[in-house]
PDB file of N, CA and C in Angstrom:
ATOM      1  N   MET A   1      -4.927  -4.013  16.864  1.00  0.00           N
ATOM      2  CA  MET A   1      -4.795  -5.037  17.878  1.00  0.00           C
ATOM      3  C   MET A   1      -5.508  -4.572  19.132  1.00  0.00           C
ATOM      4  N   TYR A   2      -6.420  -5.340  19.616  1.00  0.00           N
ATOM      5  CA  TYR A   2      -7.157  -4.957  20.810  1.00  0.00           C
ATOM      6  C   TYR A   2      -6.244  -5.055  22.022  1.00  0.00           C
ATOM      7  N   GLY A   3      -6.468  -4.158  22.953  1.00  0.00           N
ATOM      8  CA  GLY A   3      -5.661  -4.140  24.169  1.00  0.00           C
ATOM      9  C   GLY A   3      -4.366  -3.382  24.034  1.00  0.00           C
ATOM     10  N   ALA A   4      -4.067  -2.856  22.847  1.00  0.00           N
ATOM     11  CA  ALA A   4      -2.792  -2.182  22.641  1.00  0.00           C
ATOM     12  C   ALA A   4      -2.695  -0.884  23.431  1.00  0.00           C
ATOM     13  N   SER A   5      -3.812  -0.340  23.885  1.00  0.00           N
ATOM     14  CA  SER A   5      -3.743   0.899  24.663  1.00  0.00           C
ATOM     15  C   SER A   5      -3.024   0.679  25.987  1.00  0.00           C
ATOM     16  N   GLU A   6      -2.916  -0.569  26.425  1.00  0.00           N
ATOM     17  CA  GLU A   6      -2.210  -0.866  27.672  1.00  0.00           C
ATOM     18  C   GLU A   6      -0.701  -0.671  27.542  1.00  0.00           C
ATOM     19  N   VAL A   7      -0.199  -0.550  26.315  1.00  0.00           N
ATOM     20  CA  VAL A   7       1.238  -0.399  26.101  1.00  0.00           C
ATOM     21  C   VAL A   7       1.750   0.873  26.761  1.00  0.00           C
ATOM     22  N   GLN A   8       0.903   1.874  26.861  1.00  0.00           N
ATOM     23  CA  GLN A   8       1.310   3.136  27.470  1.00  0.00           C
ATOM     24  C   GLN A   8       0.558   3.329  28.772  1.00  0.00           C
ATOM     25  N   THR A   9       1.319   3.553  29.820  1.00  0.00           N
ATOM     26  CA  THR A   9       0.715   3.885  31.104  1.00  0.00           C
ATOM     27  C   THR A   9       1.257   5.236  31.512  1.00  0.00           C
ATOM     28  N   GLY A  10       0.401   6.104  31.973  1.00  0.00           N
ATOM     29  CA  GLY A  10       0.850   7.451  32.309  1.00  0.00           C
ATOM     30  C   GLY A  10       1.231   8.202  31.051  1.00  0.00           C
ATOM     31  N   GLU A  11       2.372   8.857  31.095  1.00  0.00           N
ATOM     32  CA  GLU A  11       2.796   9.681  29.962  1.00  0.00           C
ATOM     33  C   GLU A  11       3.864   9.015  29.107  1.00  0.00           C
ATOM     34  N   ARG A  12       4.273   7.803  29.429  1.00  0.00           N
ATOM     35  CA  ARG A  12       5.346   7.146  28.686  1.00  0.00           C
ATOM     36  C   ARG A  12       4.974   5.721  28.295  1.00  0.00           C
ATOM     37  N   ARG A  13       5.586   5.275  27.197  1.00  0.00           N
ATOM     38  CA  ARG A  13       5.438   3.877  26.800  1.00  0.00           C
ATOM     39  C   ARG A  13       6.359   3.027  27.655  1.00  0.00           C
ATOM     40  N   SER A  14       5.946   1.800  27.868  1.00  0.00           N
ATOM     41  CA  SER A  14       6.717   0.890  28.693  1.00  0.00           C
ATOM     42  C   SER A  14       6.968  -0.398  27.916  1.00  0.00           C
ATOM     43  N   VAL A  15       8.231  -0.730  27.665  1.00  0.00           N
ATOM     44  CA  VAL A  15       8.558  -1.957  26.944  1.00  0.00           C
ATOM     45  C   VAL A  15       8.085  -3.187  27.716  1.00  0.00           C
ATOM     46  N   PRO A  16       8.329  -3.285  29.040  1.00  0.00           N
ATOM     47  CA  PRO A  16       7.819  -4.453  29.762  1.00  0.00           C
ATOM     48  C   PRO A  16       6.294  -4.579  29.668  1.00  0.00           C
ATOM     49  N   THR A  17       5.582  -3.455  29.759  1.00  0.00           N
ATOM     50  CA  THR A  17       4.122  -3.494  29.652  1.00  0.00           C
ATOM     51  C   THR A  17       3.714  -3.941  28.250  1.00  0.00           C
ATOM     52  N   ALA A  18       4.411  -3.452  27.232  1.00  0.00           N
ATOM     53  CA  ALA A  18       4.113  -3.853  25.856  1.00  0.00           C
ATOM     54  C   ALA A  18       4.298  -5.355  25.682  1.00  0.00           C
ATOM     55  N   LEU A  19       5.377  -5.895  26.230  1.00  0.00           N
ATOM     56  CA  LEU A  19       5.628  -7.336  26.127  1.00  0.00           C
ATOM     57  C   LEU A  19       4.565  -8.149  26.863  1.00  0.00           C
ATOM     58  N   ARG A  20       4.162  -7.680  28.051  1.00  0.00           N
ATOM     59  CA  ARG A  20       3.091  -8.363  28.781  1.00  0.00           C
ATOM     60  C   ARG A  20       1.787  -8.339  27.986  1.00  0.00           C
ATOM     61  N   THR A  21       1.481  -7.194  27.377  1.00  0.00           N
ATOM     62  CA  THR A  21       0.261  -7.065  26.584  1.00  0.00           C
ATOM     63  C   THR A  21       0.288  -8.034  25.408  1.00  0.00           C
ATOM     64  N   LEU A  22       1.424  -8.098  24.713  1.00  0.00           N
ATOM     65  CA  LEU A  22       1.531  -9.024  23.590  1.00  0.00           C
ATOM     66  C   LEU A  22       1.391 -10.469  24.041  1.00  0.00           C
ATOM     67  N   ALA A  23       1.982 -10.794  25.185  1.00  0.00           N
ATOM     68  CA  ALA A  23       1.923 -12.166  25.683  1.00  0.00           C
ATOM     69  C   ALA A  23       0.508 -12.590  26.035  1.00  0.00           C
ATOM     70  N   LYS A  24      -0.290 -11.665  26.564  1.00  0.00           N
ATOM     71  CA  LYS A  24      -1.641 -12.042  26.982  1.00  0.00           C
ATOM     72  C   LYS A  24      -2.707 -11.736  25.943  1.00  0.00           C
ATOM     73  N   SER A  25      -2.345 -11.090  24.829  1.00  0.00           N
ATOM     74  CA  SER A  25      -3.355 -10.649  23.869  1.00  0.00           C
ATOM     75  C   SER A  25      -4.258 -11.762  23.339  1.00  0.00           C
ATOM     76  N   PRO A  26      -3.777 -12.984  23.118  1.00  0.00           N
ATOM     77  CA  PRO A  26      -4.739 -13.999  22.652  1.00  0.00           C
ATOM     78  C   PRO A  26      -5.824 -14.306  23.682  1.00  0.00           C
ATOM     79  N   PHE A  27      -5.569 -14.018  24.950  1.00  0.00           N
ATOM     80  CA  PHE A  27      -6.500 -14.371  26.011  1.00  0.00           C
ATOM     81  C   PHE A  27      -7.185 -13.155  26.637  1.00  0.00           C
ATOM     82  N   SER A  28      -6.765 -11.950  26.245  1.00  0.00           N
ATOM     83  CA  SER A  28      -7.191 -10.752  26.960  1.00  0.00           C
ATOM     84  C   SER A  28      -8.666 -10.426  26.815  1.00  0.00           C
ATOM     85  N   SER A  29      -9.313 -10.930  25.821  1.00  0.00           N
ATOM     86  CA  SER A  29     -10.713 -10.536  25.627  1.00  0.00           C
ATOM     87  C   SER A  29     -11.677 -11.708  25.716  1.00  0.00           C
ATOM     88  N   MET A  30     -11.217 -12.820  26.140  1.00  0.00           N
ATOM     89  CA  MET A  30     -12.096 -13.980  26.288  1.00  0.00           C
ATOM     90  C   MET A  30     -12.984 -13.787  27.507  1.00  0.00           C
ATOM     91  N   PRO A  31     -14.171 -14.262  27.593  1.00  0.00           N
ATOM     92  CA  PRO A  31     -14.855 -15.057  26.577  1.00  0.00           C
ATOM     93  C   PRO A  31     -15.722 -14.235  25.631  1.00  0.00           C
ATOM     94  N   TRP A  32     -15.866 -12.925  25.860  1.00  0.00           N
ATOM     95  CA  TRP A  32     -16.829 -12.171  25.052  1.00  0.00           C
ATOM     96  C   TRP A  32     -16.365 -11.934  23.625  1.00  0.00           C
ATOM     97  N   TRP A  33     -15.079 -11.902  23.387  1.00  0.00           N
ATOM     98  CA  TRP A  33     -14.564 -11.675  22.043  1.00  0.00           C
ATOM     99  C   TRP A  33     -14.361 -13.018  21.371  1.00  0.00           C
ATOM    100  N   LYS A  34     -15.131 -13.287  20.369  1.00  0.00           N
ATOM    101  CA  LYS A  34     -15.062 -14.555  19.654  1.00  0.00           C
ATOM    102  C   LYS A  34     -14.283 -14.357  18.352  1.00  0.00           C
ATOM    103  N   GLY A  35     -12.962 -14.221  18.490  1.00  0.00           N
ATOM    104  CA  GLY A  35     -12.116 -13.919  17.338  1.00  0.00           C
ATOM    105  C   GLY A  35     -12.255 -14.900  16.195  1.00  0.00           C
ATOM    106  N   LEU A  36     -12.242 -16.200  16.499  1.00  0.00           N
ATOM    107  CA  LEU A  36     -12.383 -17.190  15.432  1.00  0.00           C
ATOM    108  C   LEU A  36     -13.760 -17.114  14.787  1.00  0.00           C
ATOM    109  N   GLY A  37     -14.793 -16.882  15.590  1.00  0.00           N
ATOM    110  CA  GLY A  37     -16.139 -16.739  15.038  1.00  0.00           C
ATOM    111  C   GLY A  37     -16.247 -15.545  14.108  1.00  0.00           C
ATOM    112  N   VAL A  38     -15.622 -14.453  14.498  1.00  0.00           N
ATOM    113  CA  VAL A  38     -15.635 -13.252  13.655  1.00  0.00           C
ATOM    114  C   VAL A  38     -14.956 -13.549  12.330  1.00  0.00           C
ATOM    115  N   MET A  39     -13.805 -14.230  12.388  1.00  0.00           N
ATOM    116  CA  MET A  39     -13.104 -14.572  11.148  1.00  0.00           C
ATOM    117  C   MET A  39     -13.927 -15.531  10.301  1.00  0.00           C
ATOM    118  N   ASN A  40     -14.565 -16.525  10.931  1.00  0.00           N
ATOM    119  CA  ASN A  40     -15.375 -17.486  10.175  1.00  0.00           C
ATOM    120  C   ASN A  40     -16.564 -16.824   9.491  1.00  0.00           C
ATOM    121  N   GLU A  41     -17.054 -15.735  10.058  1.00  0.00           N
ATOM    122  CA  GLU A  41     -18.177 -15.004   9.462  1.00  0.00           C
ATOM    123  C   GLU A  41     -17.701 -13.927   8.489  1.00  0.00           C
ATOM    124  N   ASN A  42     -16.393 -13.914   8.225  1.00  0.00           N
ATOM    125  CA  ASN A  42     -15.793 -12.926   7.315  1.00  0.00           C
ATOM    126  C   ASN A  42     -16.087 -11.494   7.752  1.00  0.00           C
ATOM    127  N   LYS A  43     -15.996 -11.288   9.045  1.00  0.00           N
ATOM    128  CA  LYS A  43     -16.163  -9.959   9.611  1.00  0.00           C
ATOM    129  C   LYS A  43     -14.829  -9.513  10.171  1.00  0.00           C
ATOM    130  N   GLY A  44     -14.750  -8.271  10.533  1.00  0.00           N
ATOM    131  CA  GLY A  44     -13.507  -7.783  11.100  1.00  0.00           C
ATOM    132  C   GLY A  44     -13.702  -6.516  11.896  1.00  0.00           C
ATOM    133  N   VAL A  45     -12.710  -6.206  12.668  1.00  0.00           N
ATOM    134  CA  VAL A  45     -12.661  -4.986  13.455  1.00  0.00           C
ATOM    135  C   VAL A  45     -11.311  -4.364  13.153  1.00  0.00           C
ATOM    136  N   PHE A  46     -11.311  -3.079  12.872  1.00  0.00           N
ATOM    137  CA  PHE A  46     -10.032  -2.441  12.576  1.00  0.00           C
ATOM    138  C   PHE A  46     -10.041  -1.010  13.082  1.00  0.00           C
ATOM    139  N   GLY A  47      -8.880  -0.422  13.090  1.00  0.00           N
ATOM    140  CA  GLY A  47      -8.741   0.970  13.493  1.00  0.00           C
ATOM    141  C   GLY A  47      -7.811   1.692  12.545  1.00  0.00           C
ATOM    142  N   LEU A  48      -7.921   2.990  12.536  1.00  0.00           N
ATOM    143  CA  LEU A  48      -7.052   3.823  11.710  1.00  0.00           C
ATOM    144  C   LEU A  48      -6.281   4.786  12.598  1.00  0.00           C
ATOM    145  N   ASN A  49      -5.031   4.988  12.273  1.00  0.00           N
ATOM    146  CA  ASN A  49      -4.239   6.005  12.947  1.00  0.00           C
ATOM    147  C   ASN A  49      -4.380   7.281  12.130  1.00  0.00           C
ATOM    148  N   MET A  50      -5.281   8.148  12.562  1.00  0.00           N
ATOM    149  CA  MET A  50      -5.585   9.350  11.787  1.00  0.00           C
ATOM    150  C   MET A  50      -4.399  10.306  11.708  1.00  0.00           C
ATOM    151  N   LEU A  51      -3.530  10.298  12.713  1.00  0.00           N
ATOM    152  CA  LEU A  51      -2.349  11.165  12.662  1.00  0.00           C
ATOM    153  C   LEU A  51      -1.418  10.725  11.534  1.00  0.00           C
ATOM    154  N   SER A  52      -1.225   9.419  11.386  1.00  0.00           N
ATOM    155  CA  SER A  52      -0.399   8.926  10.282  1.00  0.00           C
ATOM    156  C   SER A  52      -1.023   9.274   8.941  1.00  0.00           C
ATOM    157  N   TRP A  53      -2.346   9.142   8.876  1.00  0.00           N
ATOM    158  CA  TRP A  53      -3.060   9.486   7.635  1.00  0.00           C
ATOM    159  C   TRP A  53      -2.840  10.961   7.312  1.00  0.00           C
ATOM    160  N   TRP A  54      -3.002  11.819   8.317  1.00  0.00           N
ATOM    161  CA  TRP A  54      -2.797  13.265   8.131  1.00  0.00           C
ATOM    162  C   TRP A  54      -1.376  13.543   7.658  1.00  0.00           C
ATOM    163  N   ASP A  55      -0.401  12.887   8.286  1.00  0.00           N
ATOM    164  CA  ASP A  55       1.003  13.096   7.895  1.00  0.00           C
ATOM    165  C   ASP A  55       1.239  12.695   6.448  1.00  0.00           C
ATOM    166  N   ALA A  56       0.611  11.608   6.007  1.00  0.00           N
ATOM    167  CA  ALA A  56       0.813  11.113   4.647  1.00  0.00           C
ATOM    168  C   ALA A  56       0.085  11.947   3.600  1.00  0.00           C
ATOM    169  N   GLU A  57      -1.117  12.448   3.931  1.00  0.00           N
ATOM    170  CA  GLU A  57      -1.935  13.119   2.926  1.00  0.00           C
ATOM    171  C   GLU A  57      -2.108  14.611   3.138  1.00  0.00           C
ATOM    172  N   GLY A  58      -1.828  15.102   4.329  1.00  0.00           N
ATOM    173  CA  GLY A  58      -1.973  16.524   4.591  1.00  0.00           C
ATOM    174  C   GLY A  58      -3.381  16.953   4.962  1.00  0.00           C
ATOM    175  N   SER A  59      -4.338  16.024   4.950  1.00  0.00           N
ATOM    176  CA  SER A  59      -5.710  16.317   5.362  1.00  0.00           C
ATOM    177  C   SER A  59      -6.439  14.998   5.612  1.00  0.00           C
ATOM    178  N   LEU A  60      -7.632  15.107   6.156  1.00  0.00           N
ATOM    179  CA  LEU A  60      -8.462  13.920   6.386  1.00  0.00           C
ATOM    180  C   LEU A  60      -9.654  13.893   5.440  1.00  0.00           C
ATOM    181  N   GLU A  61      -9.628  14.774   4.442  1.00  0.00           N
ATOM    182  CA  GLU A  61     -10.774  14.945   3.546  1.00  0.00           C
ATOM    183  C   GLU A  61     -11.203  13.632   2.894  1.00  0.00           C
ATOM    184  N   ARG A  62     -10.250  12.828   2.425  1.00  0.00           N
ATOM    185  CA  ARG A  62     -10.593  11.586   1.723  1.00  0.00           C
ATOM    186  C   ARG A  62     -11.313  10.598   2.652  1.00  0.00           C
ATOM    187  N   VAL A  63     -11.057  10.683   3.951  1.00  0.00           N
ATOM    188  CA  VAL A  63     -11.712   9.797   4.914  1.00  0.00           C
ATOM    189  C   VAL A  63     -13.076  10.358   5.311  1.00  0.00           C
ATOM    190  N   ILE A  64     -13.122  11.650   5.531  1.00  0.00           N
ATOM    191  CA  ILE A  64     -14.329  12.282   6.077  1.00  0.00           C
ATOM    192  C   ILE A  64     -15.416  12.492   5.020  1.00  0.00           C
ATOM    193  N   GLU A  65     -15.033  12.874   3.817  1.00  0.00           N
ATOM    194  CA  GLU A  65     -16.021  13.225   2.785  1.00  0.00           C
ATOM    195  C   GLU A  65     -17.072  12.139   2.543  1.00  0.00           C
ATOM    196  N   PRO A  66     -16.719  10.864   2.431  1.00  0.00           N
ATOM    197  CA  PRO A  66     -17.757   9.845   2.204  1.00  0.00           C
ATOM    198  C   PRO A  66     -18.708   9.647   3.389  1.00  0.00           C
ATOM    199  N   LEU A  67     -18.321  10.118   4.568  1.00  0.00           N
ATOM    200  CA  LEU A  67     -19.160   9.949   5.753  1.00  0.00           C
ATOM    201  C   LEU A  67     -20.233  11.027   5.881  1.00  0.00           C
ATOM    202  N   ILE A  68     -20.039  12.164   5.250  1.00  0.00           N
ATOM    203  CA  ILE A  68     -20.923  13.312   5.435  1.00  0.00           C
ATOM    204  C   ILE A  68     -22.388  12.998   5.110  1.00  0.00           C
ATOM    205  N   PRO A  69     -22.711  12.352   3.978  1.00  0.00           N
ATOM    206  CA  PRO A  69     -24.133  12.056   3.722  1.00  0.00           C
ATOM    207  C   PRO A  69     -24.761  11.188   4.817  1.00  0.00           C
ATOM    208  N   GLY A  70     -24.058  10.182   5.291  1.00  0.00           N
ATOM    209  CA  GLY A  70     -24.591   9.323   6.349  1.00  0.00           C
ATOM    210  C   GLY A  70     -24.815  10.073   7.646  1.00  0.00           C
ATOM    211  N   LEU A  71     -23.943  11.014   7.953  1.00  0.00           N
ATOM    212  CA  LEU A  71     -24.118  11.843   9.149  1.00  0.00           C
ATOM    213  C   LEU A  71     -25.310  12.775   8.984  1.00  0.00           C
ATOM    214  N   GLN A  72     -25.411  13.401   7.817  1.00  0.00           N
ATOM    215  CA  GLN A  72     -26.511  14.331   7.566  1.00  0.00           C
ATOM    216  C   GLN A  72     -27.871  13.639   7.578  1.00  0.00           C
ATOM    217  N   GLN A  73     -27.913  12.396   7.129  1.00  0.00           N
ATOM    218  CA  GLN A  73     -29.175  11.648   7.075  1.00  0.00           C
ATOM    219  C   GLN A  73     -29.460  10.911   8.379  1.00  0.00           C
ATOM    220  N   GLY A  74     -28.561  11.010   9.349  1.00  0.00           N
ATOM    221  CA  GLY A  74     -28.776  10.360  10.630  1.00  0.00           C
ATOM    222  C   GLY A  74     -28.515   8.861  10.620  1.00  0.00           C
ATOM    223  N   GLU A  75     -27.910   8.359   9.553  1.00  0.00           N
ATOM    224  CA  GLU A  75     -27.596   6.927   9.457  1.00  0.00           C
ATOM    225  C   GLU A  75     -26.376   6.573  10.305  1.00  0.00           C
ATOM    226  N   LEU A  76     -25.460   7.511  10.425  1.00  0.00           N
ATOM    227  CA  LEU A  76     -24.256   7.319  11.239  1.00  0.00           C
ATOM    228  C   LEU A  76     -24.387   8.176  12.487  1.00  0.00           C
ATOM    229  N   LYS A  77     -24.212   7.559  13.627  1.00  0.00           N
ATOM    230  CA  LYS A  77     -24.332   8.284  14.891  1.00  0.00           C
ATOM    231  C   LYS A  77     -23.057   8.077  15.699  1.00  0.00           C
ATOM    232  N   PRO A  78     -22.175   9.068  15.696  1.00  0.00           N
ATOM    233  CA  PRO A  78     -20.930   8.917  16.445  1.00  0.00           C
ATOM    234  C   PRO A  78     -21.198   8.779  17.940  1.00  0.00           C
ATOM    235  N   VAL A  79     -20.382   7.997  18.599  1.00  0.00           N
ATOM    236  CA  VAL A  79     -20.490   7.814  20.046  1.00  0.00           C
ATOM    237  C   VAL A  79     -19.543   8.812  20.702  1.00  0.00           C
ATOM    238  N   VAL A  80     -20.115   9.771  21.405  1.00  0.00           N
ATOM    239  CA  VAL A  80     -19.326  10.792  22.090  1.00  0.00           C
ATOM    240  C   VAL A  80     -19.438  10.552  23.588  1.00  0.00           C
ATOM    241  N   ALA A  81     -18.298  10.271  24.207  1.00  0.00           N
ATOM    242  CA  ALA A  81     -18.281  10.024  25.652  1.00  0.00           C
ATOM    243  C   ALA A  81     -18.466  11.323  26.420  1.00  0.00           C
ATOM    244  N   GLU A  82     -17.767  12.359  25.968  1.00  0.00           N
ATOM    245  CA  GLU A  82     -17.789  13.638  26.689  1.00  0.00           C
ATOM    246  C   GLU A  82     -17.284  14.728  25.749  1.00  0.00           C
ATOM    247  N   ALA A  83     -17.827  15.926  25.892  1.00  0.00           N
ATOM    248  CA  ALA A  83     -17.358  17.096  25.144  1.00  0.00           C
ATOM    249  C   ALA A  83     -16.799  18.099  26.141  1.00  0.00           C
ATOM    250  N   PHE A  84     -15.627  18.623  25.842  1.00  0.00           N
ATOM    251  CA  PHE A  84     -14.955  19.596  26.704  1.00  0.00           C
ATOM    252  C   PHE A  84     -14.699  20.870  25.912  1.00  0.00           C
ATOM    253  N   PRO A  85     -14.883  22.049  26.519  1.00  0.00           N
ATOM    254  CA  PRO A  85     -14.477  23.281  25.847  1.00  0.00           C
ATOM    255  C   PRO A  85     -12.951  23.326  25.764  1.00  0.00           C
ATOM    256  N   PHE A  86     -12.432  24.082  24.800  1.00  0.00           N
ATOM    257  CA  PHE A  86     -10.982  24.163  24.600  1.00  0.00           C
ATOM    258  C   PHE A  86     -10.230  24.515  25.881  1.00  0.00           C
ATOM    259  N   ASP A  87     -10.795  25.398  26.683  1.00  0.00           N
ATOM    260  CA  ASP A  87     -10.070  25.814  27.890  1.00  0.00           C
ATOM    261  C   ASP A  87      -9.984  24.695  28.931  1.00  0.00           C
ATOM    262  N   ARG A  88     -10.685  23.585  28.683  1.00  0.00           N
ATOM    263  CA  ARG A  88     -10.591  22.427  29.583  1.00  0.00           C
ATOM    264  C   ARG A  88      -9.896  21.246  28.903  1.00  0.00           C
ATOM    265  N   ALA A  89      -9.072  21.542  27.890  1.00  0.00           N
ATOM    266  CA  ALA A  89      -8.356  20.482  27.167  1.00  0.00           C
ATOM    267  C   ALA A  89      -7.537  19.585  28.100  1.00  0.00           C
ATOM    268  N   PRO A  90      -6.867  20.133  29.131  1.00  0.00           N
ATOM    269  CA  PRO A  90      -6.151  19.238  30.047  1.00  0.00           C
ATOM    270  C   PRO A  90      -7.080  18.235  30.740  1.00  0.00           C
ATOM    271  N   ASP A  91      -8.303  18.665  31.063  1.00  0.00           N
ATOM    272  CA  ASP A  91      -9.274  17.748  31.666  1.00  0.00           C
ATOM    273  C   ASP A  91      -9.648  16.636  30.688  1.00  0.00           C
ATOM    274  N   ALA A  92      -9.761  16.991  29.416  1.00  0.00           N
ATOM    275  CA  ALA A  92     -10.090  15.994  28.390  1.00  0.00           C
ATOM    276  C   ALA A  92      -8.978  14.958  28.295  1.00  0.00           C
ATOM    277  N   HIS A  93      -7.730  15.407  28.327  1.00  0.00           N
ATOM    278  CA  HIS A  93      -6.602  14.471  28.273  1.00  0.00           C
ATOM    279  C   HIS A  93      -6.593  13.544  29.494  1.00  0.00           C
ATOM    280  N   ARG A  94      -6.865  14.107  30.652  1.00  0.00           N
ATOM    281  CA  ARG A  94      -6.922  13.275  31.870  1.00  0.00           C
ATOM    282  C   ARG A  94      -8.053  12.247  31.766  1.00  0.00           C
ATOM    283  N   PHE A  95      -9.192  12.679  31.244  1.00  0.00           N
ATOM    284  CA  PHE A  95     -10.355  11.809  31.076  1.00  0.00           C
ATOM    285  C   PHE A  95      -9.981  10.586  30.237  1.00  0.00           C
ATOM    286  N   ILE A  96      -9.246  10.826  29.155  1.00  0.00           N
ATOM    287  CA  ILE A  96      -8.801   9.733  28.286  1.00  0.00           C
ATOM    288  C   ILE A  96      -7.739   8.885  28.995  1.00  0.00           C
ATOM    289  N   ALA A  97      -6.760   9.539  29.612  1.00  0.00           N
ATOM    290  CA  ALA A  97      -5.663   8.817  30.280  1.00  0.00           C
ATOM    291  C   ALA A  97      -6.184   7.924  31.401  1.00  0.00           C
ATOM    292  N   GLU A  98      -7.245   8.358  32.055  1.00  0.00           N
ATOM    293  CA  GLU A  98      -7.838   7.568  33.143  1.00  0.00           C
ATOM    294  C   GLU A  98      -8.784   6.491  32.609  1.00  0.00           C
ATOM    295  N   ARG A  99      -8.880   6.381  31.277  1.00  0.00           N
ATOM    296  CA  ARG A  99      -9.710   5.382  30.607  1.00  0.00           C
ATOM    297  C   ARG A  99     -11.180   5.460  31.038  1.00  0.00           C
ATOM    298  N   ARG A 100     -11.667   6.697  31.167  1.00  0.00           N
ATOM    299  CA  ARG A 100     -13.054   6.893  31.584  1.00  0.00           C
ATOM    300  C   ARG A 100     -14.000   7.001  30.391  1.00  0.00           C
ATOM    301  N   ASN A 101     -13.457   7.075  29.186  1.00  0.00           N
ATOM    302  CA  ASN A 101     -14.315   7.270  28.021  1.00  0.00           C
ATOM    303  C   ASN A 101     -14.701   5.956  27.354  1.00  0.00           C
ATOM    304  N   ILE A 102     -15.952   5.908  26.934  1.00  0.00           N
ATOM    305  CA  ILE A 102     -16.434   4.897  25.995  1.00  0.00           C
ATOM    306  C   ILE A 102     -16.991   5.722  24.858  1.00  0.00           C
ATOM    307  N   GLY A 103     -16.270   5.783  23.783  1.00  0.00           N
ATOM    308  CA  GLY A 103     -16.585   6.668  22.673  1.00  0.00           C
ATOM    309  C   GLY A 103     -15.532   7.760  22.596  1.00  0.00           C
ATOM    310  N   LYS A 104     -15.782   8.719  21.768  1.00  0.00           N
ATOM    311  CA  LYS A 104     -14.809   9.768  21.508  1.00  0.00           C
ATOM    312  C   LYS A 104     -14.921  10.905  22.505  1.00  0.00           C
ATOM    313  N   VAL A 105     -13.798  11.557  22.722  1.00  0.00           N
ATOM    314  CA  VAL A 105     -13.743  12.756  23.559  1.00  0.00           C
ATOM    315  C   VAL A 105     -13.542  13.912  22.601  1.00  0.00           C
ATOM    316  N   VAL A 106     -14.412  14.904  22.688  1.00  0.00           N
ATOM    317  CA  VAL A 106     -14.442  15.999  21.726  1.00  0.00           C
ATOM    318  C   VAL A 106     -14.073  17.314  22.404  1.00  0.00           C
ATOM    319  N   LEU A 107     -13.220  18.100  21.720  1.00  0.00           N
ATOM    320  CA  LEU A 107     -12.934  19.459  22.175  1.00  0.00           C
ATOM    321  C   LEU A 107     -13.826  20.401  21.359  1.00  0.00           C
ATOM    322  N   VAL A 108     -14.552  21.271  22.059  1.00  0.00           N
ATOM    323  CA  VAL A 108     -15.520  22.162  21.413  1.00  0.00           C
ATOM    324  C   VAL A 108     -15.003  23.601  21.512  1.00  0.00           C
ATOM    325  N   PRO A 109     -14.942  24.303  20.376  1.00  0.00           N
ATOM    326  CA  PRO A 109     -14.485  25.714  20.423  1.00  0.00           C
ATOM    327  C   PRO A 109     -15.467  26.599  21.172  1.00  0.00           C
TER     328      PRO A 109
END
């Protein structure tokens, strides 16, 4: 569900914020998001909760393995907003919490 990141502000989830997000979700992305058009074209947008996947399977191998050839051949290009060294992990969390990223935030050993 788009806009669901608004459910959490700061370090805690907020029930009133979640309810407001749900109430406005049909209108939250207009006019650029053409939900009915996407459905009519049999297209979709989805997300995966990788933590739940990890909990269920114990690894991400089944998800990652099919992607490796596309990455190696340059067909898949991940969008990385920013890379932080491990010792700056708190900065990476702040970067995400402040919604400054477009793409993934990576911790580099």
